[in-house]
Amino acid sequence: MEKAVNPAYKRKYPRKAYNKVLSFISSGKACTAKGVEIGEGGLSFSTSEKISVNEKLIVNFFLSDKDFFSVRVTMLNILNSSKISTYGVIFDDVSLALKRQVRAYVARTQ
């Protein structure tokens, strides 16, 4: 496995498992992915799509059946395997409402 990590980034917030389907837009192309983890600062997901470190994306996801979010993110970390890669992204300019809801989601799922 190959791992690319942005050395300037360290997690500030706890993350919890996030096993839901999400979508993202990368280079004008809409894609789907499987969520891995989520926290106040960002999330990680797995997909067969190729994304570069520091690439800007738009990620769309639900925390619950009614809590939909569409946020701008920056791709920070990559864990490559043969076909599927896991990507770690950080939220850009995240709203206080999203932070609160993610914090509540993490607390509920501990």
PDB file of N, CA and C in Angstrom:
ATOM      1  N   MET A   1       0.832  -1.187   0.000  1.00  0.00           N
ATOM      2  CA  MET A   1       0.000   0.000   0.000  1.00  0.00           C
ATOM      3  C   MET A   1       0.868   1.238   0.000  1.00  0.00           C
ATOM      4  N   GLU A   2       0.442   2.190  -0.756  1.00  0.00           N
ATOM      5  CA  GLU A   2       1.142   3.457  -0.838  1.00  0.00           C
ATOM      6  C   GLU A   2       0.351   4.493  -0.067  1.00  0.00           C
ATOM      7  N   LYS A   3       1.038   5.318   0.705  1.00  0.00           N
ATOM      8  CA  LYS A   3       0.356   6.313   1.518  1.00  0.00           C
ATOM      9  C   LYS A   3       0.962   7.677   1.254  1.00  0.00           C
ATOM     10  N   ALA A   4       0.112   8.655   0.939  1.00  0.00           N
ATOM     11  CA  ALA A   4       0.543  10.034   0.775  1.00  0.00           C
ATOM     12  C   ALA A   4      -0.137  10.851   1.859  1.00  0.00           C
ATOM     13  N   VAL A   5       0.654  11.518   2.676  1.00  0.00           N
ATOM     14  CA  VAL A   5       0.112  12.258   3.808  1.00  0.00           C
ATOM     15  C   VAL A   5       0.634  13.679   3.768  1.00  0.00           C
ATOM     16  N   ASN A   6      -0.246  14.624   3.992  1.00  0.00           N
ATOM     17  CA  ASN A   6       0.152  16.012   4.109  1.00  0.00           C
ATOM     18  C   ASN A   6       0.733  16.193   5.510  1.00  0.00           C
ATOM     19  N   PRO A   7       2.037  16.419   5.663  1.00  0.00           N
ATOM     20  CA  PRO A   7       2.666  16.466   6.983  1.00  0.00           C
ATOM     21  C   PRO A   7       2.223  17.651   7.836  1.00  0.00           C
ATOM     22  N   ALA A   8       1.625  18.675   7.243  1.00  0.00           N
ATOM     23  CA  ALA A   8       1.210  19.850   8.001  1.00  0.00           C
ATOM     24  C   ALA A   8      -0.125  19.631   8.705  1.00  0.00           C
ATOM     25  N   TYR A   9      -0.794  18.517   8.449  1.00  0.00           N
ATOM     26  CA  TYR A   9      -2.126  18.292   9.006  1.00  0.00           C
ATOM     27  C   TYR A   9      -2.114  17.247  10.107  1.00  0.00           C
ATOM     28  N   LYS A  10      -2.708  17.590  11.226  1.00  0.00           N
ATOM     29  CA  LYS A  10      -2.940  16.643  12.312  1.00  0.00           C
ATOM     30  C   LYS A  10      -4.394  16.792  12.717  1.00  0.00           C
ATOM     31  N   ARG A  11      -5.045  15.693  13.048  1.00  0.00           N
ATOM     32  CA  ARG A  11      -6.448  15.746  13.448  1.00  0.00           C
ATOM     33  C   ARG A  11      -6.624  16.530  14.737  1.00  0.00           C
ATOM     34  N   LYS A  12      -7.609  17.426  14.727  1.00  0.00           N
ATOM     35  CA  LYS A  12      -7.933  18.203  15.916  1.00  0.00           C
ATOM     36  C   LYS A  12      -9.132  17.617  16.637  1.00  0.00           C
ATOM     37  N   TYR A  13      -9.952  16.852  15.922  1.00  0.00           N
ATOM     38  CA  TYR A  13     -11.219  16.367  16.452  1.00  0.00           C
ATOM     39  C   TYR A  13     -11.303  14.848  16.335  1.00  0.00           C
ATOM     40  N   PRO A  14     -12.034  14.229  17.241  1.00  0.00           N
ATOM     41  CA  PRO A  14     -12.229  12.780  17.121  1.00  0.00           C
ATOM     42  C   PRO A  14     -13.091  12.458  15.911  1.00  0.00           C
ATOM     43  N   ARG A  15     -12.890  11.279  15.361  1.00  0.00           N
ATOM     44  CA  ARG A  15     -13.712  10.802  14.246  1.00  0.00           C
ATOM     45  C   ARG A  15     -14.367   9.499  14.642  1.00  0.00           C
ATOM     46  N   LYS A  16     -15.489   9.238  14.020  1.00  0.00           N
ATOM     47  CA  LYS A  16     -16.213   7.989  14.236  1.00  0.00           C
ATOM     48  C   LYS A  16     -16.543   7.378  12.884  1.00  0.00           C
ATOM     49  N   ALA A  17     -16.851   6.097  12.909  1.00  0.00           N
ATOM     50  CA  ALA A  17     -17.206   5.382  11.673  1.00  0.00           C
ATOM     51  C   ALA A  17     -18.382   6.071  10.991  1.00  0.00           C
ATOM     52  N   TYR A  18     -18.307   6.142   9.677  1.00  0.00           N
ATOM     53  CA  TYR A  18     -19.358   6.751   8.866  1.00  0.00           C
ATOM     54  C   TYR A  18     -19.587   5.830   7.670  1.00  0.00           C
ATOM     55  N   ASN A  19     -20.426   4.840   7.846  1.00  0.00           N
ATOM     56  CA  ASN A  19     -20.650   3.822   6.814  1.00  0.00           C
ATOM     57  C   ASN A  19     -21.860   4.145   5.960  1.00  0.00           C
ATOM     58  N   LYS A  20     -21.789   5.265   5.264  1.00  0.00           N
ATOM     59  CA  LYS A  20     -22.876   5.702   4.390  1.00  0.00           C
ATOM     60  C   LYS A  20     -22.299   6.054   3.027  1.00  0.00           C
ATOM     61  N   VAL A  21     -23.159   5.992   2.026  1.00  0.00           N
ATOM     62  CA  VAL A  21     -22.752   6.394   0.677  1.00  0.00           C
ATOM     63  C   VAL A  21     -22.789   7.917   0.602  1.00  0.00           C
ATOM     64  N   LEU A  22     -21.797   8.497  -0.036  1.00  0.00           N
ATOM     65  CA  LEU A  22     -21.755   9.932  -0.263  1.00  0.00           C
ATOM     66  C   LEU A  22     -21.399  10.181  -1.719  1.00  0.00           C
ATOM     67  N   SER A  23     -21.532  11.413  -2.148  1.00  0.00           N
ATOM     68  CA  SER A  23     -21.120  11.762  -3.511  1.00  0.00           C
ATOM     69  C   SER A  23     -20.133  12.917  -3.437  1.00  0.00           C
ATOM     70  N   PHE A  24     -19.340  13.034  -4.488  1.00  0.00           N
ATOM     71  CA  PHE A  24     -18.397  14.145  -4.546  1.00  0.00           C
ATOM     72  C   PHE A  24     -18.195  14.555  -5.994  1.00  0.00           C
ATOM     73  N   ILE A  25     -17.781  15.796  -6.176  1.00  0.00           N
ATOM     74  CA  ILE A  25     -17.485  16.325  -7.502  1.00  0.00           C
ATOM     75  C   ILE A  25     -15.995  16.606  -7.545  1.00  0.00           C
ATOM     76  N   SER A  26     -15.333  15.987  -8.516  1.00  0.00           N
ATOM     77  CA  SER A  26     -13.894  16.131  -8.698  1.00  0.00           C
ATOM     78  C   SER A  26     -13.627  16.435 -10.163  1.00  0.00           C
ATOM     79  N   SER A  27     -13.007  17.560 -10.438  1.00  0.00           N
ATOM     80  CA  SER A  27     -12.686  17.970 -11.814  1.00  0.00           C
ATOM     81  C   SER A  27     -13.921  17.958 -12.707  1.00  0.00           C
ATOM     82  N   GLY A  28     -15.044  18.402 -12.173  1.00  0.00           N
ATOM     83  CA  GLY A  28     -16.280  18.491 -12.938  1.00  0.00           C
ATOM     84  C   GLY A  28     -17.025  17.185 -13.108  1.00  0.00           C
ATOM     85  N   LYS A  29     -16.552  16.119 -12.494  1.00  0.00           N
ATOM     86  CA  LYS A  29     -17.161  14.796 -12.623  1.00  0.00           C
ATOM     87  C   LYS A  29     -17.797  14.390 -11.301  1.00  0.00           C
ATOM     88  N   ALA A  30     -19.072  13.972 -11.337  1.00  0.00           N
ATOM     89  CA  ALA A  30     -19.764  13.509 -10.139  1.00  0.00           C
ATOM     90  C   ALA A  30     -19.467  12.031  -9.918  1.00  0.00           C
ATOM     91  N   CYS A  31     -19.144  11.672  -8.681  1.00  0.00           N
ATOM     92  CA  CYS A  31     -18.775  10.298  -8.325  1.00  0.00           C
ATOM     93  C   CYS A  31     -19.429   9.925  -6.998  1.00  0.00           C
ATOM     94  N   THR A  32     -19.503   8.632  -6.738  1.00  0.00           N
ATOM     95  CA  THR A  32     -19.979   8.173  -5.442  1.00  0.00           C
ATOM     96  C   THR A  32     -18.838   7.472  -4.712  1.00  0.00           C
ATOM     97  N   ALA A  33     -18.986   7.388  -3.395  1.00  0.00           N
ATOM     98  CA  ALA A  33     -17.953   6.771  -2.562  1.00  0.00           C
ATOM     99  C   ALA A  33     -18.615   6.195  -1.322  1.00  0.00           C
ATOM    100  N   LYS A  34     -17.857   5.360  -0.629  1.00  0.00           N
ATOM    101  CA  LYS A  34     -18.319   4.789   0.630  1.00  0.00           C
ATOM    102  C   LYS A  34     -17.626   5.545   1.760  1.00  0.00           C
ATOM    103  N   GLY A  35     -18.411   6.113   2.673  1.00  0.00           N
ATOM    104  CA  GLY A  35     -17.854   6.817   3.810  1.00  0.00           C
ATOM    105  C   GLY A  35     -17.087   5.866   4.709  1.00  0.00           C
ATOM    106  N   VAL A  36     -16.034   6.365   5.349  1.00  0.00           N
ATOM    107  CA  VAL A  36     -15.217   5.573   6.268  1.00  0.00           C
ATOM    108  C   VAL A  36     -15.303   6.168   7.674  1.00  0.00           C
ATOM    109  N   GLU A  37     -14.923   7.443   7.822  1.00  0.00           N
ATOM    110  CA  GLU A  37     -14.957   8.126   9.112  1.00  0.00           C
ATOM    111  C   GLU A  37     -15.412   9.567   8.914  1.00  0.00           C
ATOM    112  N   ILE A  38     -15.913  10.173  10.009  1.00  0.00           N
ATOM    113  CA  ILE A  38     -16.293  11.585   9.969  1.00  0.00           C
ATOM    114  C   ILE A  38     -15.990  12.225  11.308  1.00  0.00           C
ATOM    115  N   GLY A  39     -15.637  13.503  11.272  1.00  0.00           N
ATOM    116  CA  GLY A  39     -15.384  14.302  12.463  1.00  0.00           C
ATOM    117  C   GLY A  39     -15.642  15.760  12.138  1.00  0.00           C
ATOM    118  N   GLU A  40     -15.540  16.630  13.122  1.00  0.00           N
ATOM    119  CA  GLU A  40     -15.822  18.047  12.901  1.00  0.00           C
ATOM    120  C   GLU A  40     -14.931  18.680  11.843  1.00  0.00           C
ATOM    121  N   GLY A  41     -13.719  18.186  11.707  1.00  0.00           N
ATOM    122  CA  GLY A  41     -12.772  18.794  10.784  1.00  0.00           C
ATOM    123  C   GLY A  41     -12.784  18.228   9.383  1.00  0.00           C
ATOM    124  N   GLY A  42     -13.356  17.027   9.201  1.00  0.00           N
ATOM    125  CA  GLY A  42     -13.347  16.429   7.871  1.00  0.00           C
ATOM    126  C   GLY A  42     -13.880  15.023   7.889  1.00  0.00           C
ATOM    127  N   LEU A  43     -13.636  14.317   6.810  1.00  0.00           N
ATOM    128  CA  LEU A  43     -14.091  12.935   6.702  1.00  0.00           C
ATOM    129  C   LEU A  43     -13.163  12.160   5.795  1.00  0.00           C
ATOM    130  N   SER A  44     -13.358  10.841   5.781  1.00  0.00           N
ATOM    131  CA  SER A  44     -12.607   9.989   4.862  1.00  0.00           C
ATOM    132  C   SER A  44     -13.593   9.095   4.140  1.00  0.00           C
ATOM    133  N   PHE A  45     -13.217   8.709   2.924  1.00  0.00           N
ATOM    134  CA  PHE A  45     -14.080   7.864   2.098  1.00  0.00           C
ATOM    135  C   PHE A  45     -13.234   7.014   1.176  1.00  0.00           C
ATOM    136  N   SER A  46     -13.831   5.929   0.689  1.00  0.00           N
ATOM    137  CA  SER A  46     -13.153   5.008  -0.226  1.00  0.00           C
ATOM    138  C   SER A  46     -13.832   5.031  -1.578  1.00  0.00           C
ATOM    139  N   THR A  47     -13.021   5.020  -2.631  1.00  0.00           N
ATOM    140  CA  THR A  47     -13.539   5.020  -3.997  1.00  0.00           C
ATOM    141  C   THR A  47     -12.454   4.511  -4.949  1.00  0.00           C
ATOM    142  N   SER A  48     -12.869   4.108  -6.129  1.00  0.00           N
ATOM    143  CA  SER A  48     -11.910   3.696  -7.156  1.00  0.00           C
ATOM    144  C   SER A  48     -11.445   4.891  -7.998  1.00  0.00           C
ATOM    145  N   GLU A  49     -12.067   6.039  -7.810  1.00  0.00           N
ATOM    146  CA  GLU A  49     -11.657   7.249  -8.529  1.00  0.00           C
ATOM    147  C   GLU A  49     -10.292   7.712  -8.041  1.00  0.00           C
ATOM    148  N   LYS A  50      -9.542   8.373  -8.903  1.00  0.00           N
ATOM    149  CA  LYS A  50      -8.220   8.886  -8.541  1.00  0.00           C
ATOM    150  C   LYS A  50      -8.309  10.385  -8.259  1.00  0.00           C
ATOM    151  N   ILE A  51      -7.818  10.778  -7.087  1.00  0.00           N
ATOM    152  CA  ILE A  51      -7.846  12.174  -6.651  1.00  0.00           C
ATOM    153  C   ILE A  51      -6.439  12.537  -6.192  1.00  0.00           C
ATOM    154  N   SER A  52      -6.023  13.755  -6.460  1.00  0.00           N
ATOM    155  CA  SER A  52      -4.682  14.211  -6.094  1.00  0.00           C
ATOM    156  C   SER A  52      -4.677  14.936  -4.755  1.00  0.00           C
ATOM    157  N   VAL A  53      -3.547  14.880  -4.056  1.00  0.00           N
ATOM    158  CA  VAL A  53      -3.378  15.636  -2.823  1.00  0.00           C
ATOM    159  C   VAL A  53      -3.562  17.117  -3.138  1.00  0.00           C
ATOM    160  N   ASN A  54      -4.228  17.832  -2.229  1.00  0.00           N
ATOM    161  CA  ASN A  54      -4.538  19.263  -2.331  1.00  0.00           C
ATOM    162  C   ASN A  54      -5.626  19.592  -3.345  1.00  0.00           C
ATOM    163  N   GLU A  55      -6.218  18.594  -3.976  1.00  0.00           N
ATOM    164  CA  GLU A  55      -7.321  18.850  -4.906  1.00  0.00           C
ATOM    165  C   GLU A  55      -8.536  19.331  -4.124  1.00  0.00           C
ATOM    166  N   LYS A  56      -9.258  20.289  -4.698  1.00  0.00           N
ATOM    167  CA  LYS A  56     -10.486  20.819  -4.103  1.00  0.00           C
ATOM    168  C   LYS A  56     -11.666  20.014  -4.653  1.00  0.00           C
ATOM    169  N   LEU A  57     -12.573  19.626  -3.757  1.00  0.00           N
ATOM    170  CA  LEU A  57     -13.747  18.839  -4.122  1.00  0.00           C
ATOM    171  C   LEU A  57     -14.979  19.452  -3.477  1.00  0.00           C
ATOM    172  N   ILE A  58     -16.131  19.024  -3.948  1.00  0.00           N
ATOM    173  CA  ILE A  58     -17.389  19.281  -3.257  1.00  0.00           C
ATOM    174  C   ILE A  58     -17.923  17.924  -2.849  1.00  0.00           C
ATOM    175  N   VAL A  59     -18.214  17.758  -1.554  1.00  0.00           N
ATOM    176  CA  VAL A  59     -18.709  16.488  -1.027  1.00  0.00           C
ATOM    177  C   VAL A  59     -20.141  16.701  -0.538  1.00  0.00           C
ATOM    178  N   ASN A  60     -21.030  15.770  -0.909  1.00  0.00           N
ATOM    179  CA  ASN A  60     -22.433  15.804  -0.517  1.00  0.00           C
ATOM    180  C   ASN A  60     -22.729  14.575   0.309  1.00  0.00           C
ATOM    181  N   PHE A  61     -23.324  14.780   1.501  1.00  0.00           N
ATOM    182  CA  PHE A  61     -23.591  13.642   2.368  1.00  0.00           C
ATOM    183  C   PHE A  61     -24.741  13.934   3.319  1.00  0.00           C
ATOM    184  N   PHE A  62     -25.307  12.869   3.863  1.00  0.00           N
ATOM    185  CA  PHE A  62     -26.351  12.938   4.879  1.00  0.00           C
ATOM    186  C   PHE A  62     -25.768  12.469   6.206  1.00  0.00           C
ATOM    187  N   LEU A  63     -26.093  13.169   7.287  1.00  0.00           N
ATOM    188  CA  LEU A  63     -25.771  12.666   8.620  1.00  0.00           C
ATOM    189  C   LEU A  63     -26.928  11.820   9.135  1.00  0.00           C
ATOM    190  N   SER A  64     -28.133  12.241   8.811  1.00  0.00           N
ATOM    191  CA  SER A  64     -29.337  11.470   9.118  1.00  0.00           C
ATOM    192  C   SER A  64     -30.220  11.547   7.880  1.00  0.00           C
ATOM    193  N   ASP A  65     -31.416  11.005   7.951  1.00  0.00           N
ATOM    194  CA  ASP A  65     -32.308  11.025   6.790  1.00  0.00           C
ATOM    195  C   ASP A  65     -32.662  12.429   6.335  1.00  0.00           C
ATOM    196  N   LYS A  66     -32.587  13.401   7.238  1.00  0.00           N
ATOM    197  CA  LYS A  66     -32.983  14.759   6.867  1.00  0.00           C
ATOM    198  C   LYS A  66     -31.851  15.782   6.908  1.00  0.00           C
ATOM    199  N   ASP A  67     -30.690  15.431   7.415  1.00  0.00           N
ATOM    200  CA  ASP A  67     -29.576  16.367   7.549  1.00  0.00           C
ATOM    201  C   ASP A  67     -28.595  16.223   6.391  1.00  0.00           C
ATOM    202  N   PHE A  68     -28.858  16.957   5.289  1.00  0.00           N
ATOM    203  CA  PHE A  68     -28.027  16.907   4.084  1.00  0.00           C
ATOM    204  C   PHE A  68     -27.042  18.066   4.092  1.00  0.00           C
ATOM    205  N   PHE A  69     -25.791  17.785   3.699  1.00  0.00           N
ATOM    206  CA  PHE A  69     -24.767  18.822   3.631  1.00  0.00           C
ATOM    207  C   PHE A  69     -24.011  18.726   2.308  1.00  0.00           C
ATOM    208  N   SER A  70     -23.663  19.874   1.781  1.00  0.00           N
ATOM    209  CA  SER A  70     -22.821  19.979   0.601  1.00  0.00           C
ATOM    210  C   SER A  70     -21.697  20.940   0.983  1.00  0.00           C
ATOM    211  N   VAL A  71     -20.466  20.428   1.061  1.00  0.00           N
ATOM    212  CA  VAL A  71     -19.354  21.240   1.552  1.00  0.00           C
ATOM    213  C   VAL A  71     -18.148  21.166   0.620  1.00  0.00           C
ATOM    214  N   ARG A  72     -17.411  22.247   0.626  1.00  0.00           N
ATOM    215  CA  ARG A  72     -16.134  22.274  -0.094  1.00  0.00           C
ATOM    216  C   ARG A  72     -15.083  21.662   0.818  1.00  0.00           C
ATOM    217  N   VAL A  73     -14.227  20.849   0.226  1.00  0.00           N
ATOM    218  CA  VAL A  73     -13.185  20.170   0.994  1.00  0.00           C
ATOM    219  C   VAL A  73     -11.868  20.218   0.224  1.00  0.00           C
ATOM    220  N   THR A  74     -10.789  19.951   0.946  1.00  0.00           N
ATOM    221  CA  THR A  74      -9.468  19.813   0.343  1.00  0.00           C
ATOM    222  C   THR A  74      -8.956  18.422   0.656  1.00  0.00           C
ATOM    223  N   MET A  75      -8.499  17.709  -0.359  1.00  0.00           N
ATOM    224  CA  MET A  75      -7.995  16.348  -0.198  1.00  0.00           C
ATOM    225  C   MET A  75      -6.600  16.422   0.431  1.00  0.00           C
ATOM    226  N   LEU A  76      -6.423  15.709   1.564  1.00  0.00           N
ATOM    227  CA  LEU A  76      -5.156  15.777   2.290  1.00  0.00           C
ATOM    228  C   LEU A  76      -4.358  14.494   2.278  1.00  0.00           C
ATOM    229  N   ASN A  77      -5.020  13.362   2.465  1.00  0.00           N
ATOM    230  CA  ASN A  77      -4.307  12.097   2.637  1.00  0.00           C
ATOM    231  C   ASN A  77      -4.863  11.029   1.709  1.00  0.00           C
ATOM    232  N   ILE A  78      -3.977  10.149   1.255  1.00  0.00           N
ATOM    233  CA  ILE A  78      -4.375   9.042   0.379  1.00  0.00           C
ATOM    234  C   ILE A  78      -3.757   7.761   0.914  1.00  0.00           C
ATOM    235  N   LEU A  79      -4.583   6.724   0.993  1.00  0.00           N
ATOM    236  CA  LEU A  79      -4.105   5.382   1.298  1.00  0.00           C
ATOM    237  C   LEU A  79      -4.506   4.532   0.093  1.00  0.00           C
ATOM    238  N   ASN A  80      -3.538   4.198  -0.753  1.00  0.00           N
ATOM    239  CA  ASN A  80      -3.810   3.461  -1.987  1.00  0.00           C
ATOM    240  C   ASN A  80      -3.699   1.964  -1.776  1.00  0.00           C
ATOM    241  N   SER A  81      -4.638   1.241  -2.346  1.00  0.00           N
ATOM    242  CA  SER A  81      -4.521  -0.209  -2.461  1.00  0.00           C
ATOM    243  C   SER A  81      -4.629  -0.521  -3.948  1.00  0.00           C
ATOM    244  N   SER A  82      -4.820  -1.756  -4.299  1.00  0.00           N
ATOM    245  CA  SER A  82      -4.783  -2.118  -5.715  1.00  0.00           C
ATOM    246  C   SER A  82      -5.885  -1.446  -6.537  1.00  0.00           C
ATOM    247  N   LYS A  83      -7.136  -1.443  -6.069  1.00  0.00           N
ATOM    248  CA  LYS A  83      -8.230  -0.872  -6.863  1.00  0.00           C
ATOM    249  C   LYS A  83      -8.951   0.268  -6.161  1.00  0.00           C
ATOM    250  N   ILE A  84      -9.053   0.193  -4.849  1.00  0.00           N
ATOM    251  CA  ILE A  84      -9.792   1.185  -4.071  1.00  0.00           C
ATOM    252  C   ILE A  84      -8.809   2.000  -3.232  1.00  0.00           C
ATOM    253  N   SER A  85      -9.013   3.313  -3.213  1.00  0.00           N
ATOM    254  CA  SER A  85      -8.191   4.188  -2.382  1.00  0.00           C
ATOM    255  C   SER A  85      -9.066   4.822  -1.311  1.00  0.00           C
ATOM    256  N   THR A  86      -8.480   5.083  -0.156  1.00  0.00           N
ATOM    257  CA  THR A  86      -9.175   5.790   0.912  1.00  0.00           C
ATOM    258  C   THR A  86      -8.575   7.186   0.985  1.00  0.00           C
ATOM    259  N   TYR A  87      -9.440   8.187   0.940  1.00  0.00           N
ATOM    260  CA  TYR A  87      -9.021   9.580   0.922  1.00  0.00           C
ATOM    261  C   TYR A  87      -9.476  10.285   2.191  1.00  0.00           C
ATOM    262  N   GLY A  88      -8.619  11.096   2.757  1.00  0.00           N
ATOM    263  CA  GLY A  88      -8.960  11.931   3.900  1.00  0.00           C
ATOM    264  C   GLY A  88      -9.050  13.367   3.445  1.00  0.00           C
ATOM    265  N   VAL A  89     -10.169  14.016   3.759  1.00  0.00           N
ATOM    266  CA  VAL A  89     -10.372  15.404   3.348  1.00  0.00           C
ATOM    267  C   VAL A  89     -10.659  16.263   4.567  1.00  0.00           C
ATOM    268  N   ILE A  90     -10.332  17.532   4.449  1.00  0.00           N
ATOM    269  CA  ILE A  90     -10.615  18.505   5.499  1.00  0.00           C
ATOM    270  C   ILE A  90     -11.678  19.458   4.963  1.00  0.00           C
ATOM    271  N   PHE A  91     -12.647  19.814   5.828  1.00  0.00           N
ATOM    272  CA  PHE A  91     -13.691  20.752   5.429  1.00  0.00           C
ATOM    273  C   PHE A  91     -13.098  22.148   5.275  1.00  0.00           C
ATOM    274  N   ASP A  92     -13.480  22.843   4.206  1.00  0.00           N
ATOM    275  CA  ASP A  92     -13.091  24.239   3.991  1.00  0.00           C
ATOM    276  C   ASP A  92     -14.264  25.125   4.420  1.00  0.00           C
ATOM    277  N   ASP A  93     -14.019  26.149   5.210  1.00  0.00           N
ATOM    278  CA  ASP A  93     -15.054  27.109   5.607  1.00  0.00           C
ATOM    279  C   ASP A  93     -16.347  26.430   6.040  1.00  0.00           C
ATOM    280  N   VAL A  94     -16.242  25.511   6.972  1.00  0.00           N
ATOM    281  CA  VAL A  94     -17.394  24.762   7.445  1.00  0.00           C
ATOM    282  C   VAL A  94     -18.267  25.643   8.341  1.00  0.00           C
ATOM    283  N   SER A  95     -19.570  25.495   8.181  1.00  0.00           N
ATOM    284  CA  SER A  95     -20.501  26.292   8.982  1.00  0.00           C
ATOM    285  C   SER A  95     -20.547  25.774  10.418  1.00  0.00           C
ATOM    286  N   LEU A  96     -20.924  26.647  11.319  1.00  0.00           N
ATOM    287  CA  LEU A  96     -21.079  26.265  12.716  1.00  0.00           C
ATOM    288  C   LEU A  96     -22.167  25.204  12.858  1.00  0.00           C
ATOM    289  N   ALA A  97     -23.224  25.308  12.040  1.00  0.00           N
ATOM    290  CA  ALA A  97     -24.311  24.317  12.082  1.00  0.00           C
ATOM    291  C   ALA A  97     -23.797  22.923  11.735  1.00  0.00           C
ATOM    292  N   LEU A  98     -22.953  22.819  10.710  1.00  0.00           N
ATOM    293  CA  LEU A  98     -22.402  21.519  10.341  1.00  0.00           C
ATOM    294  C   LEU A  98     -21.507  20.989  11.454  1.00  0.00           C
ATOM    295  N   LYS A  99     -20.649  21.845  12.004  1.00  0.00           N
ATOM    296  CA  LYS A  99     -19.774  21.407  13.097  1.00  0.00           C
ATOM    297  C   LYS A  99     -20.586  20.845  14.254  1.00  0.00           C
ATOM    298  N   ARG A 100     -21.648  21.547  14.615  1.00  0.00           N
ATOM    299  CA  ARG A 100     -22.494  21.091  15.723  1.00  0.00           C
ATOM    300  C   ARG A 100     -23.146  19.749  15.406  1.00  0.00           C
ATOM    301  N   GLN A 101     -23.642  19.602  14.195  1.00  0.00           N
ATOM    302  CA  GLN A 101     -24.322  18.363  13.849  1.00  0.00           C
ATOM    303  C   GLN A 101     -23.351  17.193  13.751  1.00  0.00           C
ATOM    304  N   VAL A 102     -22.164  17.435  13.237  1.00  0.00           N
ATOM    305  CA  VAL A 102     -21.161  16.367  13.188  1.00  0.00           C
ATOM    306  C   VAL A 102     -20.737  15.996  14.608  1.00  0.00           C
ATOM    307  N   ARG A 103     -20.542  17.006  15.465  1.00  0.00           N
ATOM    308  CA  ARG A 103     -20.181  16.744  16.858  1.00  0.00           C
ATOM    309  C   ARG A 103     -21.251  15.886  17.534  1.00  0.00           C
ATOM    310  N   ALA A 104     -22.510  16.196  17.301  1.00  0.00           N
ATOM    311  CA  ALA A 104     -23.611  15.416  17.880  1.00  0.00           C
ATOM    312  C   ALA A 104     -23.628  14.002  17.298  1.00  0.00           C
ATOM    313  N   TYR A 105     -23.367  13.858  15.999  1.00  0.00           N
ATOM    314  CA  TYR A 105     -23.319  12.545  15.352  1.00  0.00           C
ATOM    315  C   TYR A 105     -22.210  11.687  15.968  1.00  0.00           C
ATOM    316  N   VAL A 106     -21.042  12.268  16.148  1.00  0.00           N
ATOM    317  CA  VAL A 106     -19.912  11.547  16.733  1.00  0.00           C
ATOM    318  C   VAL A 106     -20.253  11.132  18.171  1.00  0.00           C
ATOM    319  N   ALA A 107     -20.860  12.034  18.927  1.00  0.00           N
ATOM    320  CA  ALA A 107     -21.215  11.722  20.313  1.00  0.00           C
ATOM    321  C   ALA A 107     -22.269  10.613  20.378  1.00  0.00           C
ATOM    322  N   ARG A 108     -23.230  10.615  19.458  1.00  0.00           N
ATOM    323  CA  ARG A 108     -24.283   9.592  19.443  1.00  0.00           C
ATOM    324  C   ARG A 108     -23.759   8.218  19.087  1.00  0.00           C
ATOM    325  N   THR A 109     -22.705   8.160  18.291  1.00  0.00           N
ATOM    326  CA  THR A 109     -22.233   6.884  17.759  1.00  0.00           C
ATOM    327  C   THR A 109     -21.027   6.330  18.498  1.00  0.00           C
ATOM    328  N   GLN A 110     -20.716   6.858  19.667  1.00  0.00           N
ATOM    329  CA  GLN A 110     -19.545   6.367  20.406  1.00  0.00           C
ATOM    330  C   GLN A 110     -19.760   4.990  20.961  1.00  0.00           C
TER     331      GLN A 110
END
